[in-house]
Amino acid sequence: MKISNQSGQVITKQKAIEYISEFKAQNPNAINSYYVGIDKLQALLGQNNCIGMRIYPGLNKQTSLINMVLVGVNQIGQDISDGIILEELITCPPACPDNNTLG
């Protein structure tokens, strides 16, 4: 599968609910979601030659907490590892939306 600025697939709300519900059913103790602010996301995506981002799972050995590591990706599919890299995303729980329609 080739990486481009069009990679990814738009899905319906119903499909998102199905995917999220199935994940939660099979992983009841897992983090429900991760939040990143728009300013940080725009800074990551606004880097020179950035056409998208890659999301890596990460584990903090000191706290044993799982989190996501976000890094920009350039036109040839390489991580922009000398640029902005995001982590310490806000997790749900505890910071969950009040009226979560996705699950």
Protein backbone atom coordinates (compact mmCIF):
# COMPACT_ATOMS: atom_id res chain seq x y z
CA MET A 1 0.00 0.00 0.00
CA LYS A 2 1.49 3.33 -1.07
CA ILE A 3 1.65 6.29 1.33
CA SER A 4 0.23 9.58 0.06
CA ASN A 5 -1.53 12.67 1.32
CA GLN A 6 -4.79 10.82 0.51
CA SER A 7 -4.03 7.72 2.65
CA GLY A 8 -6.77 6.67 5.05
CA GLN A 9 -10.43 5.93 4.58
CA VAL A 10 -13.46 7.96 5.59
CA ILE A 11 -15.98 5.68 7.31
CA THR A 12 -19.52 6.09 8.53
CA LYS A 13 -20.45 6.80 12.12
CA GLN A 14 -22.06 3.35 12.27
CA LYS A 15 -18.84 1.63 11.11
CA ALA A 16 -16.85 3.62 13.70
CA ILE A 17 -19.28 2.50 16.41
CA GLU A 18 -18.91 -1.13 15.28
CA TYR A 19 -15.08 -0.97 15.33
CA ILE A 20 -14.93 0.79 18.70
CA SER A 21 -17.53 -1.49 20.30
CA GLU A 22 -15.73 -4.62 19.12
CA PHE A 23 -12.38 -3.36 20.39
CA LYS A 24 -13.87 -2.50 23.79
CA ALA A 25 -15.59 -5.89 24.01
CA GLN A 26 -12.30 -7.69 23.39
CA ASN A 27 -10.19 -5.25 25.48
CA PRO A 28 -12.35 -4.10 28.40
CA ASN A 29 -9.44 -2.66 30.38
CA ALA A 30 -7.83 -0.76 27.49
CA ILE A 31 -7.71 3.01 27.06
CA ASN A 32 -10.87 4.10 25.19
CA SER A 33 -9.35 7.00 23.29
CA TYR A 34 -6.49 9.48 22.99
CA TYR A 35 -6.86 13.24 22.55
CA VAL A 36 -4.42 15.69 20.99
CA GLY A 37 -5.04 19.43 20.72
CA ILE A 38 -5.41 21.07 17.31
CA ASP A 39 -2.48 23.45 17.84
CA LYS A 40 -0.07 20.55 18.42
CA LEU A 41 -1.55 18.57 15.55
CA GLN A 42 -1.30 21.50 13.15
CA ALA A 43 2.32 22.10 14.22
CA LEU A 44 3.15 18.46 13.47
CA LEU A 45 1.32 18.42 10.12
CA GLY A 46 2.57 21.88 9.14
CA GLN A 47 6.23 20.84 9.04
CA ASN A 48 8.10 21.21 5.73
CA ASN A 49 7.38 18.30 3.36
CA CYS A 50 4.90 16.69 5.78
CA ILE A 51 2.05 14.88 3.98
CA GLY A 52 0.60 12.98 6.95
CA MET A 53 1.46 11.31 10.22
CA ARG A 54 2.34 7.92 11.55
CA ILE A 55 1.06 6.74 14.94
CA TYR A 56 3.25 4.42 16.98
CA PRO A 57 2.17 2.68 20.19
CA GLY A 58 4.49 3.51 23.06
CA LEU A 59 5.06 2.37 26.63
CA ASN A 60 6.51 4.50 29.42
CA LYS A 61 8.63 2.05 31.46
CA GLN A 62 8.59 4.27 34.55
CA THR A 63 4.79 4.54 34.73
CA SER A 64 3.81 1.42 32.72
CA LEU A 65 1.36 3.63 30.81
CA ILE A 66 0.63 2.97 27.14
CA ASN A 67 0.37 6.01 24.89
CA MET A 68 0.63 6.94 21.23
CA VAL A 69 3.64 8.62 19.62
CA LEU A 70 2.76 10.80 16.61
CA VAL A 71 5.37 11.72 14.00
CA GLY A 72 5.11 13.53 10.67
CA VAL A 73 5.77 11.63 7.44
CA ASN A 74 7.31 13.10 4.29
CA GLN A 75 6.49 12.53 0.59
CA ILE A 76 8.71 9.44 0.35
CA GLY A 77 7.08 7.81 3.37
CA GLN A 78 9.87 8.49 5.86
CA ASP A 79 9.29 9.66 9.42
CA ILE A 80 10.26 13.28 10.07
CA SER A 81 12.10 12.14 13.18
CA ASP A 82 14.16 15.32 13.50
CA GLY A 83 11.02 17.45 13.71
CA ILE A 84 8.02 17.67 16.01
CA ILE A 85 7.09 14.39 17.70
CA LEU A 86 4.01 14.27 19.94
CA GLU A 87 3.30 12.09 22.95
CA GLU A 88 1.61 12.44 26.34
CA LEU A 89 -1.79 12.50 24.68
CA ILE A 90 -4.77 12.87 26.98
CA THR A 91 -6.47 9.54 27.59
CA CYS A 92 -10.05 8.48 28.22
CA PRO A 93 -10.41 7.54 30.95
CA PRO A 94 -10.13 9.83 32.79
CA ALA A 95 -10.82 12.66 30.30
CA CYS A 96 -13.85 11.20 28.53
CA PRO A 97 -16.58 13.11 26.68
CA ASP A 98 -19.88 13.44 28.56
CA ASN A 99 -22.10 12.32 25.67
CA ASN A 100 -19.92 9.92 23.70
CA THR A 101 -21.94 8.71 20.73
CA LEU A 102 -19.10 6.56 19.35
CA GLY A 103 -18.72 4.30 22.32
